C-alpha atoms as a PDB file:
ATOM      1  CA  GLN A   1      93.645  77.980  86.306  1.00  0.00           C
ATOM      2  CA  HIS A   2      96.891  78.034  85.142  1.00  0.00           C
ATOM      3  CA  PRO A   3      97.440  77.865  81.199  1.00  0.00           C
ATOM      4  CA  LYS A   4     100.637  75.316  81.542  1.00  0.00           C
ATOM      5  CA  PHE A   5      98.711  72.957  84.280  1.00  0.00           C
ATOM      6  CA  SER A   6      98.521  70.309  81.849  1.00  0.00           C
ATOM      7  CA  THR A   7     102.252  69.778  81.271  1.00  0.00           C
ATOM      8  CA  ILE A   8     103.124  69.123  84.911  1.00  0.00           C
ATOM      9  CA  ALA A   9      99.665  67.315  85.887  1.00  0.00           C
ATOM     10  CA  ASN A  10     101.235  63.635  85.432  1.00  0.00           C
ATOM     11  CA  LYS A  11     104.203  64.556  87.487  1.00  0.00           C
ATOM     12  CA  THR A  12     104.148  62.128  90.965  1.00  0.00           C
ATOM     13  CA  MET A  13     105.207  64.247  93.795  1.00  0.00           C
ATOM     14  CA  THR A  14     105.491  63.362  97.618  1.00  0.00           C
ATOM     15  CA  LEU A  15     103.324  65.399  99.781  1.00  0.00           C
ATOM     16  CA  PHE A  16     103.204  65.773 103.365  1.00  0.00           C
ATOM     17  CA  ASP A  17      99.799  67.473 104.088  1.00  0.00           C
ATOM     18  CA  GLN A  18      98.771  69.170 107.080  1.00  0.00           C
ATOM     19  CA  THR A  19      96.140  65.922 107.724  1.00  0.00           C
ATOM     20  CA  THR A  20      98.846  63.479 107.304  1.00  0.00           C
ATOM     21  CA  GLN A  21     101.545  65.395 109.498  1.00  0.00           C
ATOM     22  CA  LEU A  22      99.083  65.359 112.325  1.00  0.00           C
ATOM     23  CA  GLY A  23      97.970  61.480 111.752  1.00  0.00           C
ATOM     24  CA  THR A  24      99.825  59.136 110.347  1.00  0.00           C
ATOM     25  CA  GLY A  25     103.147  60.701 109.544  1.00  0.00           C
ATOM     26  CA  ARG A  26     103.090  59.068 106.136  1.00  0.00           C
ATOM     27  CA  PRO A  27     103.462  61.260 103.131  1.00  0.00           C
ATOM     28  CA  LEU A  28     101.331  60.982 100.319  1.00  0.00           C
ATOM     29  CA  VAL A  29     102.521  60.059  96.518  1.00  0.00           C
ATOM     30  CA  MET A  30     100.158  61.227  93.999  1.00  0.00           C
ATOM     31  CA  THR A  31     100.229  63.053  90.697  1.00  0.00           C
ATOM     32  CA  MET A  32      99.819  67.089  90.826  1.00  0.00           C
ATOM     33  CA  GLY A  33      96.710  66.593  88.891  1.00  0.00           C
ATOM     34  CA  GLU A  34      95.241  64.600  91.357  1.00  0.00           C
ATOM     35  CA  ALA A  35      96.307  66.717  94.285  1.00  0.00           C
ATOM     36  CA  VAL A  36      94.792  69.708  92.556  1.00  0.00           C
ATOM     37  CA  GLN A  37      91.330  67.690  91.862  1.00  0.00           C
ATOM     38  CA  ASN A  38      90.903  66.168  95.481  1.00  0.00           C
ATOM     39  CA  GLY A  39      91.869  69.520  97.125  1.00  0.00           C
ATOM     40  CA  THR A  40      95.263  68.485  98.901  1.00  0.00           C
ATOM     41  CA  VAL A  41      96.907  71.293  96.885  1.00  0.00           C
ATOM     42  CA  ASN A  42      94.807  74.646  96.752  1.00  0.00           C
ATOM     43  CA  ASN A  43      94.891  75.306  93.028  1.00  0.00           C
ATOM     44  CA  GLU A  44      96.377  74.772  89.724  1.00  0.00           C
ATOM     45  CA  THR A  45      98.749  77.638  89.811  1.00  0.00           C
ATOM     46  CA  LEU A  46     100.622  76.559  93.263  1.00  0.00           C
ATOM     47  CA  GLY A  47     100.614  72.920  92.010  1.00  0.00           C
ATOM     48  CA  TYR A  48     102.444  74.275  88.675  1.00  0.00           C
ATOM     49  CA  PHE A  49     104.963  75.908  90.699  1.00  0.00           C
ATOM     50  CA  MET A  50     105.336  73.077  93.279  1.00  0.00           C
ATOM     51  CA  ALA A  51     105.808  70.951  90.594  1.00  0.00           C
ATOM     52  CA  ARG A  52     108.168  73.286  88.649  1.00  0.00           C
ATOM     53  CA  THR A  53     110.539  73.271  91.627  1.00  0.00           C
ATOM     54  CA  GLN A  54     110.684  69.518  91.972  1.00  0.00           C
ATOM     55  CA  LEU A  55     111.683  69.337  88.378  1.00  0.00           C
ATOM     56  CA  PHE A  56     114.204  72.024  88.826  1.00  0.00           C
ATOM     57  CA  MET A  57     115.677  70.067  92.085  1.00  0.00           C
ATOM     58  CA  GLU A  58     115.827  67.067  90.097  1.00  0.00           C
ATOM     59  CA  LYS A  59     117.655  68.945  87.189  1.00  0.00           C
ATOM     60  CA  ILE A  60     120.392  69.902  89.541  1.00  0.00           C
ATOM     61  CA  GLY A  61     120.939  66.429  90.692  1.00  0.00           C
ATOM     62  CA  ILE A  62     118.732  66.062  93.918  1.00  0.00           C
ATOM     63  CA  ASN A  63     117.451  62.604  94.474  1.00  0.00           C
ATOM     64  CA  PRO A  64     113.640  62.758  93.696  1.00  0.00           C
ATOM     65  CA  LYS A  65     113.367  59.774  96.376  1.00  0.00           C
ATOM     66  CA  ARG A  66     114.738  62.449  98.836  1.00  0.00           C
ATOM     67  CA  LEU A  67     112.194  65.366  98.151  1.00  0.00           C
ATOM     68  CA  ARG A  68     108.953  66.090  99.635  1.00  0.00           C
ATOM     69  CA  PHE A  69     106.695  68.903  99.956  1.00  0.00           C
ATOM     70  CA  ARG A  70     105.330  69.669 103.332  1.00  0.00           C
ATOM     71  CA  GLN A  71     102.180  71.906 103.998  1.00  0.00           C
ATOM     72  CA  HIS A  72     102.410  74.445 106.476  1.00  0.00           C
ATOM     73  CA  LEU A  73     100.400  73.654 109.057  1.00  0.00           C
ATOM     74  CA  GLN A  74      97.376  76.448 110.202  1.00  0.00           C
ATOM     75  CA  THR A  75      99.525  77.526 113.130  1.00  0.00           C
ATOM     76  CA  GLU A  76     102.795  78.223 110.596  1.00  0.00           C
ATOM     77  CA  MET A  77     100.811  80.013 107.605  1.00  0.00           C
ATOM     78  CA  ALA A  78     100.908  83.498 107.064  1.00  0.00           C
ATOM     79  CA  HIS A  79      97.212  85.370 107.908  1.00  0.00           C
ATOM     80  CA  TYR A  80      97.226  86.309 104.201  1.00  0.00           C
ATOM     81  CA  ALA A  81      97.886  82.681 102.544  1.00  0.00           C
ATOM     82  CA  ALA A  82      95.436  80.216 101.576  1.00  0.00           C
ATOM     83  CA  ASP A  83      97.629  77.288 101.301  1.00  0.00           C
ATOM     84  CA  CYS A  84     101.514  77.319 101.839  1.00  0.00           C
ATOM     85  CA  TRP A  85     104.091  74.291 100.926  1.00  0.00           C
ATOM     86  CA  ASP A  86     108.023  73.828 101.638  1.00  0.00           C
ATOM     87  CA  CYS A  87     110.153  71.576  99.544  1.00  0.00           C
ATOM     88  CA  GLU A  88     112.209  69.751 101.563  1.00  0.00           C
ATOM     89  CA  ILE A  89     115.379  67.148 101.081  1.00  0.00           C
ATOM     90  CA  HIS A  90     115.412  64.370 103.644  1.00  0.00           C
END
């Protein structure tokens, strides 16, 4: 658990997870709290820093509609990683 997770749990995020990349190709839109609760994002600490990254990108002027987080596929993941996401501007 992350001590400040509750401060970002309601942040809506666009997430392009492994299943969606290999399936419909349509990113998911949900709050970070939902993403951690349903297992899309592995844990609160990762979710906290993903949301903070999105907040930073918005603060420097990136349109949030152009932001998404893409989960690394199993073939891209470092051997020591439990989960990994890239922030993408599209």
